[in-house]
Amino acid sequence: MDFHQMLGFLAVAVVLTLIPGPDIVFVAAQSMTKSRKSGLAVTLGLCTGLLVHTTLAALGISAIVLSSDKAFMAIKVLGALYLLYLAWKTWSGRKKSSSPAGTAGQELGGTTPEPEQETGASQREIGFAALYRRGITMNVINPKVSLFFLALLPQFVAEDKGNVPFQMIQLGVLFIIQALIIFSCVSLLSSLAGGFATGRSSKWAPRLAIAEAVIYVLLATNLFLL
C-alpha cells in the first residue's frame, strides 16, 4: 500500500466515521449520561471490536459467516436483543442516577461516610471494565460492521503487491487509529455537554438515562431492520 493510497483510505475512513452511526451515537450517549471516562471505556471496547472484525475480514471468515442467511439473521437477532437488554437495564436503573441519598445528605448538611466513598470508587473501576466489555460486545455482534469492512477494505488492496490479508490488516489498523481519535473527541465534547446539563439541575440525570434507553431501542431497531 503506497502513501497516496493510504491517504485516500484515511480520508474515506474519517468521513465514514464522522457520519452518525451506532458506534458514535453509543459513545456520545455513554459520555453524556455517565462520564468522559465511561465514554473512553466504550471507545476502547469498540476499537477492540473493530480489531476483531479486521482480523475476521482478512482471514475470510466474515465472508463465510455472512454468506449464510441463518447465521446472519442469528447475529442480527442476538445484537438487537443485547441492545434491548441494555435499554431495559438503563431504564430500570434511571432513578438511581439522581442519587437521592447523596442529595438528601447535602441538604441536611451531612457528609457522605468514608466507606461509601470507597465503594463508589470501586464501582467506577468495575464500571470501566464493564463498559469496555459492552463496547466490544456491541461492536462484534453487529453484522453491519462486518459488511462495512468487507465492502471497504478490498477497494484499497493492491492484489499485485501480494499478501492481501496483511494489507487488509494494515488498512484495518489505520481505520481503528482514526476511529479512536474521533471517538475520544466525541467522548470529551459529549461529557462536557452532559456535565453542563446535570450541573444546572439534578433532574437532568434521570432524563439523560431515559434518553440513553431510547437510543438503545433505536439502535436495536436499526440493527434488526438491516
C-alpha atoms as a PDB file:
ATOM      1  CA  MET A   1       0.000   0.000   0.000  1.00  0.00           C
ATOM      2  CA  ASP A   2       1.607   3.257  -1.154  1.00  0.00           C
ATOM      3  CA  PHE A   3       1.359   6.635   0.570  1.00  0.00           C
ATOM      4  CA  HIS A   4      -1.291   8.116  -1.743  1.00  0.00           C
ATOM      5  CA  GLN A   5      -3.439   5.023  -1.408  1.00  0.00           C
ATOM      6  CA  MET A   6      -3.148   5.248   2.365  1.00  0.00           C
ATOM      7  CA  LEU A   7      -4.193   8.920   2.359  1.00  0.00           C
ATOM      8  CA  GLY A   8      -7.174   8.117   0.163  1.00  0.00           C
ATOM      9  CA  PHE A   9      -8.301   5.365   2.517  1.00  0.00           C
ATOM     10  CA  LEU A  10      -7.768   7.582   5.554  1.00  0.00           C
ATOM     11  CA  ALA A  11      -9.905  10.358   4.048  1.00  0.00           C
ATOM     12  CA  VAL A  12     -12.738   7.923   3.341  1.00  0.00           C
ATOM     13  CA  ALA A  13     -12.407   6.378   6.805  1.00  0.00           C
ATOM     14  CA  VAL A  14     -12.628   9.749   8.573  1.00  0.00           C
ATOM     15  CA  VAL A  15     -15.716  10.797   6.627  1.00  0.00           C
ATOM     16  CA  LEU A  16     -17.460   7.483   7.270  1.00  0.00           C
ATOM     17  CA  THR A  17     -16.581   7.572  10.973  1.00  0.00           C
ATOM     18  CA  LEU A  18     -17.963  11.099  11.368  1.00  0.00           C
ATOM     19  CA  ILE A  19     -21.298  10.107   9.828  1.00  0.00           C
ATOM     20  CA  PRO A  20     -23.706   9.496  12.742  1.00  0.00           C
ATOM     21  CA  GLY A  21     -23.962   5.753  13.262  1.00  0.00           C
ATOM     22  CA  PRO A  22     -24.471   3.243  16.102  1.00  0.00           C
ATOM     23  CA  ASP A  23     -20.899   3.425  17.399  1.00  0.00           C
ATOM     24  CA  ILE A  24     -20.514   7.198  17.550  1.00  0.00           C
ATOM     25  CA  VAL A  25     -24.028   7.597  18.988  1.00  0.00           C
ATOM     26  CA  PHE A  26     -23.216   4.958  21.605  1.00  0.00           C
ATOM     27  CA  VAL A  27     -20.032   6.790  22.639  1.00  0.00           C
ATOM     28  CA  ALA A  28     -21.863  10.114  22.858  1.00  0.00           C
ATOM     29  CA  ALA A  29     -24.696   8.621  24.919  1.00  0.00           C
ATOM     30  CA  GLN A  30     -22.374   6.961  27.422  1.00  0.00           C
ATOM     31  CA  SER A  31     -20.241  10.091  27.794  1.00  0.00           C
ATOM     32  CA  MET A  32     -23.226  12.383  28.212  1.00  0.00           C
ATOM     33  CA  THR A  33     -25.174  10.207  30.658  1.00  0.00           C
ATOM     34  CA  LYS A  34     -22.207   8.928  32.655  1.00  0.00           C
ATOM     35  CA  SER A  35     -18.753  10.485  32.275  1.00  0.00           C
ATOM     36  CA  ARG A  36     -15.853  11.039  29.921  1.00  0.00           C
ATOM     37  CA  LYS A  37     -14.134   8.023  31.464  1.00  0.00           C
ATOM     38  CA  SER A  38     -17.159   5.901  30.595  1.00  0.00           C
ATOM     39  CA  GLY A  39     -17.070   7.173  27.032  1.00  0.00           C
ATOM     40  CA  LEU A  40     -13.387   6.336  26.726  1.00  0.00           C
ATOM     41  CA  ALA A  41     -14.032   2.836  28.092  1.00  0.00           C
ATOM     42  CA  VAL A  42     -16.688   2.298  25.429  1.00  0.00           C
ATOM     43  CA  THR A  43     -14.367   3.773  22.792  1.00  0.00           C
ATOM     44  CA  LEU A  44     -11.608   1.308  23.659  1.00  0.00           C
ATOM     45  CA  GLY A  45     -14.123  -1.525  23.590  1.00  0.00           C
ATOM     46  CA  LEU A  46     -15.488  -0.519  20.189  1.00  0.00           C
ATOM     47  CA  CYS A  47     -11.984  -0.221  18.745  1.00  0.00           C
ATOM     48  CA  THR A  48     -11.104  -3.650  20.121  1.00  0.00           C
ATOM     49  CA  GLY A  49     -14.207  -4.955  18.370  1.00  0.00           C
ATOM     50  CA  LEU A  50     -13.030  -3.317  15.144  1.00  0.00           C
ATOM     51  CA  LEU A  51      -9.760  -5.208  15.508  1.00  0.00           C
ATOM     52  CA  VAL A  52     -11.737  -8.450  15.712  1.00  0.00           C
ATOM     53  CA  HIS A  53     -13.689  -7.541  12.558  1.00  0.00           C
ATOM     54  CA  THR A  54     -10.457  -6.622  10.771  1.00  0.00           C
ATOM     55  CA  THR A  55      -8.908  -9.986  11.583  1.00  0.00           C
ATOM     56  CA  LEU A  56     -12.022 -11.921  10.561  1.00  0.00           C
ATOM     57  CA  ALA A  57     -12.276  -9.988   7.290  1.00  0.00           C
ATOM     58  CA  ALA A  58      -8.592 -10.506   6.488  1.00  0.00           C
ATOM     59  CA  LEU A  59      -8.872 -14.251   7.102  1.00  0.00           C
ATOM     60  CA  GLY A  60     -12.052 -14.509   5.047  1.00  0.00           C
ATOM     61  CA  ILE A  61     -14.096 -15.749   7.999  1.00  0.00           C
ATOM     62  CA  SER A  62     -16.563 -12.842   7.884  1.00  0.00           C
ATOM     63  CA  ALA A  63     -17.402 -13.574   4.250  1.00  0.00           C
ATOM     64  CA  ILE A  64     -18.083 -17.227   5.067  1.00  0.00           C
ATOM     65  CA  VAL A  65     -20.317 -16.421   8.051  1.00  0.00           C
ATOM     66  CA  LEU A  66     -22.269 -13.656   6.328  1.00  0.00           C
ATOM     67  CA  SER A  67     -22.884 -15.856   3.289  1.00  0.00           C
ATOM     68  CA  SER A  68     -25.230 -17.925   5.460  1.00  0.00           C
ATOM     69  CA  ASP A  69     -28.679 -16.346   5.803  1.00  0.00           C
ATOM     70  CA  LYS A  70     -29.340 -18.209   9.046  1.00  0.00           C
ATOM     71  CA  ALA A  71     -26.042 -17.132  10.601  1.00  0.00           C
ATOM     72  CA  PHE A  72     -26.586 -13.545   9.508  1.00  0.00           C
ATOM     73  CA  MET A  73     -30.103 -13.486  10.981  1.00  0.00           C
ATOM     74  CA  ALA A  74     -28.876 -15.094  14.209  1.00  0.00           C
ATOM     75  CA  ILE A  75     -26.215 -12.399  14.647  1.00  0.00           C
ATOM     76  CA  LYS A  76     -28.764  -9.655  13.947  1.00  0.00           C
ATOM     77  CA  VAL A  77     -31.244 -11.020  16.474  1.00  0.00           C
ATOM     78  CA  LEU A  78     -28.521 -11.513  19.079  1.00  0.00           C
ATOM     79  CA  GLY A  79     -27.289  -7.949  18.619  1.00  0.00           C
ATOM     80  CA  ALA A  80     -30.790  -6.464  18.764  1.00  0.00           C
ATOM     81  CA  LEU A  81     -31.668  -8.441  21.906  1.00  0.00           C
ATOM     82  CA  TYR A  82     -28.448  -7.295  23.576  1.00  0.00           C
ATOM     83  CA  LEU A  83     -29.260  -3.649  22.855  1.00  0.00           C
ATOM     84  CA  LEU A  84     -32.802  -4.099  24.164  1.00  0.00           C
ATOM     85  CA  TYR A  85     -31.332  -5.629  27.316  1.00  0.00           C
ATOM     86  CA  LEU A  86     -29.130  -2.551  27.757  1.00  0.00           C
ATOM     87  CA  ALA A  87     -32.206  -0.354  27.231  1.00  0.00           C
ATOM     88  CA  TRP A  88     -34.133  -2.218  29.928  1.00  0.00           C
ATOM     89  CA  LYS A  89     -31.164  -2.113  32.305  1.00  0.00           C
ATOM     90  CA  THR A  90     -30.731   1.631  31.802  1.00  0.00           C
ATOM     91  CA  TRP A  91     -34.459   2.313  32.127  1.00  0.00           C
ATOM     92  CA  SER A  92     -34.849   0.260  35.315  1.00  0.00           C
ATOM     93  CA  GLY A  93     -31.860   1.963  36.933  1.00  0.00           C
ATOM     94  CA  ARG A  94     -32.707   5.539  35.928  1.00  0.00           C
ATOM     95  CA  LYS A  95     -33.921   6.529  39.423  1.00  0.00           C
ATOM     96  CA  LYS A  96     -30.540   5.680  40.938  1.00  0.00           C
ATOM     97  CA  SER A  97     -28.837   8.241  38.707  1.00  0.00           C
ATOM     98  CA  SER A  98     -30.466  11.074  40.629  1.00  0.00           C
ATOM     99  CA  SER A  99     -28.625   9.946  43.819  1.00  0.00           C
ATOM    100  CA  PRO A 100     -31.398  10.838  46.276  1.00  0.00           C
ATOM    101  CA  ALA A 101     -29.418   9.703  49.295  1.00  0.00           C
ATOM    102  CA  GLY A 102     -26.460  11.889  48.482  1.00  0.00           C
ATOM    103  CA  THR A 103     -28.692  14.862  47.734  1.00  0.00           C
ATOM    104  CA  ALA A 104     -30.576  14.461  50.977  1.00  0.00           C
ATOM    105  CA  GLY A 105     -27.326  14.294  52.924  1.00  0.00           C
ATOM    106  CA  GLN A 106     -26.085  17.517  51.388  1.00  0.00           C
ATOM    107  CA  GLU A 107     -29.370  19.287  52.116  1.00  0.00           C
ATOM    108  CA  LEU A 108     -29.137  18.263  55.772  1.00  0.00           C
ATOM    109  CA  GLY A 109     -25.566  19.470  55.949  1.00  0.00           C
ATOM    110  CA  GLY A 110     -24.211  15.978  56.449  1.00  0.00           C
ATOM    111  CA  THR A 111     -21.264  14.306  54.776  1.00  0.00           C
ATOM    112  CA  THR A 112     -21.005  11.046  52.932  1.00  0.00           C
ATOM    113  CA  PRO A 113     -19.404   8.297  55.030  1.00  0.00           C
ATOM    114  CA  GLU A 114     -15.915   7.241  54.024  1.00  0.00           C
ATOM    115  CA  PRO A 115     -16.850   3.606  53.313  1.00  0.00           C
ATOM    116  CA  GLU A 116     -19.439   4.767  50.757  1.00  0.00           C
ATOM    117  CA  GLN A 117     -16.816   6.883  49.028  1.00  0.00           C
ATOM    118  CA  GLU A 118     -14.566   3.858  48.714  1.00  0.00           C
ATOM    119  CA  THR A 119     -17.463   1.796  47.430  1.00  0.00           C
ATOM    120  CA  GLY A 120     -18.223   4.457  44.817  1.00  0.00           C
ATOM    121  CA  ALA A 121     -14.614   4.432  43.621  1.00  0.00           C
ATOM    122  CA  SER A 122     -14.692   0.661  43.405  1.00  0.00           C
ATOM    123  CA  GLN A 123     -17.920   0.769  41.409  1.00  0.00           C
ATOM    124  CA  ARG A 124     -16.416   3.267  38.973  1.00  0.00           C
ATOM    125  CA  GLU A 125     -13.471   0.931  38.357  1.00  0.00           C
ATOM    126  CA  ILE A 126     -15.799  -2.025  37.794  1.00  0.00           C
ATOM    127  CA  GLY A 127     -17.919   0.195  35.572  1.00  0.00           C
ATOM    128  CA  PHE A 128     -14.946   0.962  33.312  1.00  0.00           C
ATOM    129  CA  ALA A 129     -14.265  -2.729  32.708  1.00  0.00           C
ATOM    130  CA  ALA A 130     -17.970  -3.445  32.209  1.00  0.00           C
ATOM    131  CA  LEU A 131     -18.333  -0.617  29.690  1.00  0.00           C
ATOM    132  CA  TYR A 132     -15.198  -1.783  27.880  1.00  0.00           C
ATOM    133  CA  ARG A 133     -16.713  -5.252  27.526  1.00  0.00           C
ATOM    134  CA  ARG A 134     -20.020  -3.678  26.493  1.00  0.00           C
ATOM    135  CA  GLY A 135     -18.263  -1.788  23.703  1.00  0.00           C
ATOM    136  CA  ILE A 136     -16.588  -4.969  22.452  1.00  0.00           C
ATOM    137  CA  THR A 137     -19.819  -6.947  22.563  1.00  0.00           C
ATOM    138  CA  MET A 138     -21.884  -4.294  20.817  1.00  0.00           C
ATOM    139  CA  ASN A 139     -19.359  -3.967  18.003  1.00  0.00           C
ATOM    140  CA  VAL A 140     -18.593  -7.656  17.487  1.00  0.00           C
ATOM    141  CA  ILE A 141     -22.238  -8.774  17.279  1.00  0.00           C
ATOM    142  CA  ASN A 142     -23.143  -6.017  14.822  1.00  0.00           C
ATOM    143  CA  PRO A 143     -23.162  -7.613  11.330  1.00  0.00           C
ATOM    144  CA  LYS A 144     -23.237  -4.140   9.764  1.00  0.00           C
ATOM    145  CA  VAL A 145     -19.610  -3.679  10.793  1.00  0.00           C
ATOM    146  CA  SER A 146     -18.614  -6.935   9.094  1.00  0.00           C
ATOM    147  CA  LEU A 147     -20.415  -5.913   5.904  1.00  0.00           C
ATOM    148  CA  PHE A 148     -18.793  -2.489   6.074  1.00  0.00           C
ATOM    149  CA  PHE A 149     -15.272  -3.897   6.344  1.00  0.00           C
ATOM    150  CA  LEU A 150     -15.873  -6.484   3.622  1.00  0.00           C
ATOM    151  CA  ALA A 151     -17.100  -3.725   1.297  1.00  0.00           C
ATOM    152  CA  LEU A 152     -14.485  -1.081   2.137  1.00  0.00           C
ATOM    153  CA  LEU A 153     -11.135  -2.782   2.712  1.00  0.00           C
ATOM    154  CA  PRO A 154     -10.832  -4.720  -0.592  1.00  0.00           C
ATOM    155  CA  GLN A 155     -11.267  -1.480  -2.563  1.00  0.00           C
ATOM    156  CA  PHE A 156      -7.901  -0.243  -1.281  1.00  0.00           C
ATOM    157  CA  VAL A 157      -5.996  -3.522  -1.546  1.00  0.00           C
ATOM    158  CA  ALA A 158      -3.409  -3.839  -4.320  1.00  0.00           C
ATOM    159  CA  GLU A 159      -3.519  -7.501  -5.337  1.00  0.00           C
ATOM    160  CA  ASP A 160      -0.401  -7.132  -7.485  1.00  0.00           C
ATOM    161  CA  LYS A 161       1.614  -6.368  -4.336  1.00  0.00           C
ATOM    162  CA  GLY A 162       0.686  -9.692  -2.777  1.00  0.00           C
ATOM    163  CA  ASN A 163      -0.124 -10.647   0.829  1.00  0.00           C
ATOM    164  CA  VAL A 164      -3.710  -9.411   0.657  1.00  0.00           C
ATOM    165  CA  PRO A 165      -4.594 -10.391   4.267  1.00  0.00           C
ATOM    166  CA  PHE A 166      -1.683  -8.324   5.604  1.00  0.00           C
ATOM    167  CA  GLN A 167      -2.756  -5.319   3.526  1.00  0.00           C
ATOM    168  CA  MET A 168      -6.285  -5.617   4.894  1.00  0.00           C
ATOM    169  CA  ILE A 169      -4.943  -5.732   8.448  1.00  0.00           C
ATOM    170  CA  GLN A 170      -2.885  -2.599   7.748  1.00  0.00           C
ATOM    171  CA  LEU A 171      -5.974  -0.797   6.497  1.00  0.00           C
ATOM    172  CA  GLY A 172      -7.999  -2.033   9.465  1.00  0.00           C
ATOM    173  CA  VAL A 173      -5.425  -0.781  11.961  1.00  0.00           C
ATOM    174  CA  LEU A 174      -5.349   2.604  10.226  1.00  0.00           C
ATOM    175  CA  PHE A 175      -9.141   2.750  10.433  1.00  0.00           C
ATOM    176  CA  ILE A 176      -9.038   1.861  14.135  1.00  0.00           C
ATOM    177  CA  ILE A 177      -6.479   4.588  14.921  1.00  0.00           C
ATOM    178  CA  GLN A 178      -8.552   7.349  13.324  1.00  0.00           C
ATOM    179  CA  ALA A 179     -11.731   5.973  14.930  1.00  0.00           C
ATOM    180  CA  LEU A 180     -10.033   6.008  18.331  1.00  0.00           C
ATOM    181  CA  ILE A 181      -9.095   9.670  17.908  1.00  0.00           C
ATOM    182  CA  ILE A 182     -12.534  10.740  16.660  1.00  0.00           C
ATOM    183  CA  PHE A 183     -14.465   8.756  19.271  1.00  0.00           C
ATOM    184  CA  SER A 184     -12.249  10.184  22.032  1.00  0.00           C
ATOM    185  CA  CYS A 185     -13.027  13.726  20.871  1.00  0.00           C
ATOM    186  CA  VAL A 186     -16.742  12.902  20.738  1.00  0.00           C
ATOM    187  CA  SER A 187     -16.494  11.482  24.254  1.00  0.00           C
ATOM    188  CA  LEU A 188     -14.870  14.657  25.564  1.00  0.00           C
ATOM    189  CA  LEU A 189     -17.402  17.014  23.974  1.00  0.00           C
ATOM    190  CA  SER A 190     -20.375  14.863  25.000  1.00  0.00           C
ATOM    191  CA  SER A 191     -19.208  14.601  28.606  1.00  0.00           C
ATOM    192  CA  LEU A 192     -18.871  18.387  28.775  1.00  0.00           C
ATOM    193  CA  ALA A 193     -22.427  18.767  27.472  1.00  0.00           C
ATOM    194  CA  GLY A 194     -23.729  16.168  29.915  1.00  0.00           C
ATOM    195  CA  GLY A 195     -21.851  17.728  32.819  1.00  0.00           C
ATOM    196  CA  PHE A 196     -23.257  21.151  31.965  1.00  0.00           C
ATOM    197  CA  ALA A 197     -26.813  19.784  31.899  1.00  0.00           C
ATOM    198  CA  THR A 198     -26.577  17.831  35.157  1.00  0.00           C
ATOM    199  CA  GLY A 199     -24.696  20.674  36.817  1.00  0.00           C
ATOM    200  CA  ARG A 200     -27.581  23.048  36.195  1.00  0.00           C
ATOM    201  CA  SER A 201     -30.210  20.696  37.603  1.00  0.00           C
ATOM    202  CA  SER A 202     -30.157  17.263  39.236  1.00  0.00           C
ATOM    203  CA  LYS A 203     -33.380  16.490  37.342  1.00  0.00           C
ATOM    204  CA  TRP A 204     -31.350  16.097  34.157  1.00  0.00           C
ATOM    205  CA  ALA A 205     -29.624  12.907  35.346  1.00  0.00           C
ATOM    206  CA  PRO A 206     -32.686  10.616  35.106  1.00  0.00           C
ATOM    207  CA  ARG A 207     -33.765  12.383  31.909  1.00  0.00           C
ATOM    208  CA  LEU A 208     -30.432  11.614  30.299  1.00  0.00           C
ATOM    209  CA  ALA A 209     -30.789   7.998  31.424  1.00  0.00           C
ATOM    210  CA  ILE A 210     -34.187   7.837  29.707  1.00  0.00           C
ATOM    211  CA  ALA A 211     -32.641   9.310  26.559  1.00  0.00           C
ATOM    212  CA  GLU A 212     -29.915   6.663  26.712  1.00  0.00           C
ATOM    213  CA  ALA A 213     -32.514   3.886  26.962  1.00  0.00           C
ATOM    214  CA  VAL A 214     -34.371   5.302  23.957  1.00  0.00           C
ATOM    215  CA  ILE A 215     -31.115   5.384  21.974  1.00  0.00           C
ATOM    216  CA  TYR A 216     -30.555   1.696  22.720  1.00  0.00           C
ATOM    217  CA  VAL A 217     -34.052   0.870  21.447  1.00  0.00           C
ATOM    218  CA  LEU A 218     -33.476   2.875  18.260  1.00  0.00           C
ATOM    219  CA  LEU A 219     -30.125   1.168  17.681  1.00  0.00           C
ATOM    220  CA  ALA A 220     -31.732  -2.242  18.207  1.00  0.00           C
ATOM    221  CA  THR A 221     -34.481  -1.389  15.725  1.00  0.00           C
ATOM    222  CA  ASN A 222     -31.965  -0.130  13.182  1.00  0.00           C
ATOM    223  CA  LEU A 223     -29.884  -3.291  13.540  1.00  0.00           C
ATOM    224  CA  PHE A 224     -32.834  -5.653  13.224  1.00  0.00           C
ATOM    225  CA  LEU A 225     -34.172  -3.884  10.121  1.00  0.00           C
ATOM    226  CA  LEU A 226     -30.817  -4.226   8.336  1.00  0.00           C
END
